[in-house]
Amino acid sequence: MHASLLPLLTAAQLGPTLVSARKARRISQAALAERIGLSQSRVSYLELHPGDLSVDQLMAWCAALGLELTVGAREAAHTGSAGTVADTPAW
C-alpha cells in the first residue's frame, strides 16, 4: 500500500482524516466552506459528524483539499475465511 493512502473502514475515521488534510494545507473551515458552498458551521458539524456528508459534499471536499477518493477491495488481512469482506454491512 502506498504510504499516503489512508484506508477508512468506518465513517468515524473520515472526520479526523478530513480535518488533518485541511489543517495540513493551512485552510480554515471558513475558507473551505466558501470553496465548497457550505457555511463554516456546516463544515464544523460535518468534521464532527462525517456520516452526515453526502457523496456530493465529500467529492467537493476532496477536490477542494486536493484529495483523491478511491474505493477498492480490502486487502486479504481484512477478509474473512471465506474470502468475503469482513464486517460488511448488509445493505
N, C-alpha and C. Protein backbone atom coordinates (compact mmCIF):
# COMPACT_ATOMS: atom_id res chain seq x y z
N MET A 1 0.84 -1.18 0.00
CA MET A 1 0.00 0.00 0.00
C MET A 1 0.89 1.24 0.00
N HIS A 2 0.51 2.22 -0.78
CA HIS A 2 1.24 3.48 -0.88
C HIS A 2 1.17 4.21 0.45
N ALA A 3 2.25 4.83 0.87
CA ALA A 3 2.35 5.46 2.19
C ALA A 3 1.32 6.56 2.40
N SER A 4 0.89 7.26 1.37
CA SER A 4 -0.04 8.36 1.56
C SER A 4 -1.50 7.91 1.55
N LEU A 5 -1.77 6.63 1.30
CA LEU A 5 -3.13 6.13 1.31
C LEU A 5 -3.57 5.83 2.74
N LEU A 6 -4.76 6.26 3.08
CA LEU A 6 -5.30 6.01 4.40
C LEU A 6 -6.58 5.21 4.27
N PRO A 7 -6.53 3.90 4.54
CA PRO A 7 -7.76 3.13 4.43
C PRO A 7 -8.74 3.50 5.53
N LEU A 8 -9.95 3.78 5.15
CA LEU A 8 -11.00 4.13 6.10
C LEU A 8 -12.02 3.00 6.12
N LEU A 9 -12.26 2.46 7.28
CA LEU A 9 -13.20 1.35 7.40
C LEU A 9 -14.50 1.76 8.07
N THR A 10 -14.51 2.96 8.69
CA THR A 10 -15.72 3.46 9.34
C THR A 10 -15.89 4.95 9.02
N ALA A 11 -17.12 5.41 9.10
CA ALA A 11 -17.38 6.84 8.87
C ALA A 11 -16.69 7.68 9.93
N ALA A 12 -16.57 7.17 11.14
CA ALA A 12 -15.92 7.93 12.22
C ALA A 12 -14.47 8.26 11.90
N GLN A 13 -13.80 7.45 11.10
CA GLN A 13 -12.41 7.70 10.73
C GLN A 13 -12.29 8.84 9.72
N LEU A 14 -13.35 9.13 9.02
CA LEU A 14 -13.32 10.13 7.96
C LEU A 14 -13.13 11.55 8.50
N GLY A 15 -13.81 11.89 9.58
CA GLY A 15 -13.73 13.24 10.14
C GLY A 15 -12.31 13.67 10.46
N PRO A 16 -11.59 12.91 11.30
CA PRO A 16 -10.21 13.29 11.61
C PRO A 16 -9.31 13.33 10.37
N THR A 17 -9.57 12.50 9.41
CA THR A 17 -8.78 12.50 8.18
C THR A 17 -9.00 13.80 7.42
N LEU A 18 -10.25 14.23 7.31
CA LEU A 18 -10.54 15.48 6.60
C LEU A 18 -10.00 16.68 7.36
N VAL A 19 -10.11 16.67 8.67
CA VAL A 19 -9.57 17.78 9.48
C VAL A 19 -8.06 17.86 9.31
N SER A 20 -7.40 16.71 9.39
CA SER A 20 -5.94 16.66 9.25
C SER A 20 -5.51 17.18 7.89
N ALA A 21 -6.20 16.77 6.83
CA ALA A 21 -5.86 17.22 5.48
C ALA A 21 -6.07 18.73 5.34
N ARG A 22 -7.16 19.24 5.92
CA ARG A 22 -7.44 20.68 5.85
C ARG A 22 -6.37 21.47 6.58
N LYS A 23 -6.03 21.02 7.77
CA LYS A 23 -5.02 21.73 8.57
C LYS A 23 -3.64 21.63 7.94
N ALA A 24 -3.32 20.50 7.34
CA ALA A 24 -2.02 20.34 6.68
C ALA A 24 -1.86 21.33 5.53
N ARG A 25 -2.98 21.70 4.92
CA ARG A 25 -2.96 22.65 3.81
C ARG A 25 -3.19 24.08 4.28
N ARG A 26 -3.29 24.23 5.60
CA ARG A 26 -3.50 25.54 6.22
C ARG A 26 -4.71 26.27 5.65
N ILE A 27 -5.80 25.53 5.58
CA ILE A 27 -7.06 26.07 5.09
C ILE A 27 -8.02 26.12 6.28
N SER A 28 -8.60 27.27 6.53
CA SER A 28 -9.54 27.41 7.63
C SER A 28 -10.88 26.76 7.26
N GLN A 29 -11.69 26.51 8.26
CA GLN A 29 -13.03 25.99 7.99
C GLN A 29 -13.81 26.97 7.13
N ALA A 30 -13.66 28.25 7.40
CA ALA A 30 -14.38 29.27 6.63
C ALA A 30 -13.94 29.28 5.17
N ALA A 31 -12.64 29.16 4.93
CA ALA A 31 -12.14 29.14 3.54
C ALA A 31 -12.60 27.88 2.82
N LEU A 32 -12.57 26.75 3.51
CA LEU A 32 -13.06 25.52 2.90
C LEU A 32 -14.55 25.63 2.60
N ALA A 33 -15.29 26.16 3.55
CA ALA A 33 -16.73 26.33 3.37
C ALA A 33 -17.03 27.14 2.12
N GLU A 34 -16.30 28.22 1.93
CA GLU A 34 -16.51 29.07 0.75
C GLU A 34 -16.22 28.30 -0.53
N ARG A 35 -15.16 27.49 -0.52
CA ARG A 35 -14.79 26.72 -1.70
C ARG A 35 -15.83 25.68 -2.09
N ILE A 36 -16.50 25.10 -1.08
CA ILE A 36 -17.43 24.01 -1.38
C ILE A 36 -18.90 24.40 -1.25
N GLY A 37 -19.14 25.67 -1.00
CA GLY A 37 -20.52 26.17 -0.98
C GLY A 37 -21.32 25.80 0.26
N LEU A 38 -20.65 25.72 1.40
CA LEU A 38 -21.32 25.46 2.67
C LEU A 38 -21.00 26.58 3.63
N SER A 39 -21.69 26.60 4.76
CA SER A 39 -21.36 27.57 5.81
C SER A 39 -20.22 27.00 6.65
N GLN A 40 -19.52 27.88 7.35
CA GLN A 40 -18.44 27.43 8.24
C GLN A 40 -19.01 26.52 9.32
N SER A 41 -20.19 26.83 9.82
CA SER A 41 -20.76 26.00 10.88
C SER A 41 -21.11 24.60 10.36
N ARG A 42 -21.50 24.51 9.08
CA ARG A 42 -21.80 23.19 8.50
C ARG A 42 -20.51 22.39 8.33
N VAL A 43 -19.43 23.04 7.92
CA VAL A 43 -18.14 22.35 7.81
C VAL A 43 -17.72 21.83 9.18
N SER A 44 -17.86 22.65 10.20
CA SER A 44 -17.53 22.23 11.56
C SER A 44 -18.36 21.02 11.97
N TYR A 45 -19.65 21.09 11.72
CA TYR A 45 -20.55 19.98 12.06
C TYR A 45 -20.15 18.71 11.32
N LEU A 46 -19.88 18.82 10.04
CA LEU A 46 -19.56 17.63 9.24
C LEU A 46 -18.20 17.03 9.62
N GLU A 47 -17.27 17.86 10.07
CA GLU A 47 -16.00 17.30 10.55
C GLU A 47 -16.22 16.45 11.80
N LEU A 48 -17.21 16.81 12.59
CA LEU A 48 -17.53 16.05 13.80
C LEU A 48 -18.51 14.91 13.54
N HIS A 49 -19.29 15.01 12.46
CA HIS A 49 -20.31 14.03 12.11
C HIS A 49 -20.16 13.64 10.63
N PRO A 50 -19.04 13.03 10.27
CA PRO A 50 -18.77 12.75 8.86
C PRO A 50 -19.76 11.79 8.21
N GLY A 51 -20.49 11.04 9.00
CA GLY A 51 -21.50 10.15 8.43
C GLY A 51 -22.65 10.90 7.79
N ASP A 52 -22.77 12.19 8.09
CA ASP A 52 -23.83 13.02 7.51
C ASP A 52 -23.42 13.68 6.19
N LEU A 53 -22.17 13.49 5.77
CA LEU A 53 -21.72 14.04 4.49
C LEU A 53 -22.42 13.32 3.34
N SER A 54 -22.90 14.08 2.38
CA SER A 54 -23.42 13.46 1.16
C SER A 54 -22.23 13.10 0.28
N VAL A 55 -22.46 12.24 -0.67
CA VAL A 55 -21.38 11.88 -1.60
C VAL A 55 -20.93 13.12 -2.36
N ASP A 56 -21.88 13.95 -2.79
CA ASP A 56 -21.52 15.18 -3.50
C ASP A 56 -20.65 16.09 -2.63
N GLN A 57 -21.01 16.23 -1.35
CA GLN A 57 -20.23 17.07 -0.45
C GLN A 57 -18.83 16.48 -0.25
N LEU A 58 -18.76 15.16 -0.08
CA LEU A 58 -17.46 14.52 0.11
C LEU A 58 -16.58 14.71 -1.12
N MET A 59 -17.14 14.56 -2.29
CA MET A 59 -16.35 14.73 -3.52
C MET A 59 -15.86 16.17 -3.65
N ALA A 60 -16.72 17.15 -3.34
CA ALA A 60 -16.32 18.56 -3.40
C ALA A 60 -15.25 18.85 -2.35
N TRP A 61 -15.40 18.28 -1.17
CA TRP A 61 -14.45 18.45 -0.08
C TRP A 61 -13.08 17.94 -0.51
N CYS A 62 -13.07 16.72 -1.07
CA CYS A 62 -11.81 16.13 -1.53
C CYS A 62 -11.17 16.98 -2.61
N ALA A 63 -11.96 17.45 -3.56
CA ALA A 63 -11.42 18.29 -4.64
C ALA A 63 -10.82 19.58 -4.07
N ALA A 64 -11.50 20.18 -3.11
CA ALA A 64 -11.02 21.45 -2.52
C ALA A 64 -9.71 21.26 -1.76
N LEU A 65 -9.49 20.06 -1.23
CA LEU A 65 -8.28 19.80 -0.46
C LEU A 65 -7.21 19.06 -1.26
N GLY A 66 -7.49 18.80 -2.52
CA GLY A 66 -6.52 18.08 -3.34
C GLY A 66 -6.41 16.62 -2.97
N LEU A 67 -7.51 16.06 -2.50
CA LEU A 67 -7.54 14.65 -2.12
C LEU A 67 -8.19 13.83 -3.23
N GLU A 68 -7.86 12.57 -3.26
CA GLU A 68 -8.46 11.64 -4.21
C GLU A 68 -9.20 10.58 -3.42
N LEU A 69 -10.44 10.34 -3.77
CA LEU A 69 -11.23 9.30 -3.11
C LEU A 69 -11.16 8.05 -3.96
N THR A 70 -10.70 6.96 -3.35
CA THR A 70 -10.55 5.69 -4.05
C THR A 70 -11.35 4.63 -3.30
N VAL A 71 -12.06 3.81 -4.04
CA VAL A 71 -12.81 2.70 -3.46
C VAL A 71 -12.26 1.42 -4.04
N GLY A 72 -11.99 0.45 -3.18
CA GLY A 72 -11.46 -0.81 -3.65
C GLY A 72 -11.68 -1.91 -2.64
N ALA A 73 -11.34 -3.11 -3.01
CA ALA A 73 -11.47 -4.25 -2.12
C ALA A 73 -10.44 -4.15 -1.01
N ARG A 74 -10.82 -4.62 0.17
CA ARG A 74 -9.89 -4.66 1.29
C ARG A 74 -8.83 -5.71 1.03
N GLU A 75 -7.67 -5.52 1.63
CA GLU A 75 -6.58 -6.48 1.50
C GLU A 75 -6.95 -7.77 2.21
N ALA A 76 -6.23 -8.85 1.93
CA ALA A 76 -6.52 -10.17 2.49
C ALA A 76 -6.60 -10.16 4.01
N ALA A 77 -5.82 -9.33 4.67
CA ALA A 77 -5.82 -9.28 6.13
C ALA A 77 -7.18 -8.85 6.69
N HIS A 78 -7.98 -8.19 5.87
CA HIS A 78 -9.27 -7.69 6.31
C HIS A 78 -10.43 -8.54 5.82
N THR A 79 -10.16 -9.70 5.27
CA THR A 79 -11.24 -10.54 4.77
C THR A 79 -11.45 -11.72 5.69
N GLY A 80 -12.64 -12.25 5.66
CA GLY A 80 -12.97 -13.43 6.46
C GLY A 80 -12.42 -14.68 5.82
N SER A 81 -12.58 -15.81 6.48
CA SER A 81 -12.01 -17.07 6.00
C SER A 81 -12.60 -17.51 4.67
N ALA A 82 -13.81 -17.09 4.36
CA ALA A 82 -14.44 -17.47 3.10
C ALA A 82 -14.04 -16.55 1.96
N GLY A 83 -13.19 -15.57 2.24
CA GLY A 83 -12.74 -14.65 1.21
C GLY A 83 -13.68 -13.48 1.00
N THR A 84 -14.69 -13.34 1.84
CA THR A 84 -15.58 -12.20 1.75
C THR A 84 -15.09 -11.12 2.68
N VAL A 85 -15.48 -9.91 2.40
CA VAL A 85 -15.04 -8.79 3.23
C VAL A 85 -15.71 -8.88 4.59
N ALA A 86 -14.91 -8.88 5.62
CA ALA A 86 -15.42 -8.96 6.99
C ALA A 86 -16.10 -7.65 7.37
N ASP A 87 -17.08 -7.73 8.21
CA ASP A 87 -17.79 -6.56 8.73
C ASP A 87 -18.49 -5.75 7.65
N THR A 88 -18.84 -6.38 6.56
CA THR A 88 -19.56 -5.68 5.51
C THR A 88 -21.01 -5.52 5.92
N PRO A 89 -21.52 -4.29 5.92
CA PRO A 89 -22.93 -4.10 6.28
C PRO A 89 -23.83 -4.80 5.26
N ALA A 90 -24.92 -5.34 5.70
CA ALA A 90 -25.87 -5.99 4.81
C ALA A 90 -26.92 -4.97 4.38
N TRP A 91 -26.55 -4.14 3.40
CA TRP A 91 -27.47 -3.09 2.93
C TRP A 91 -28.41 -3.65 1.94
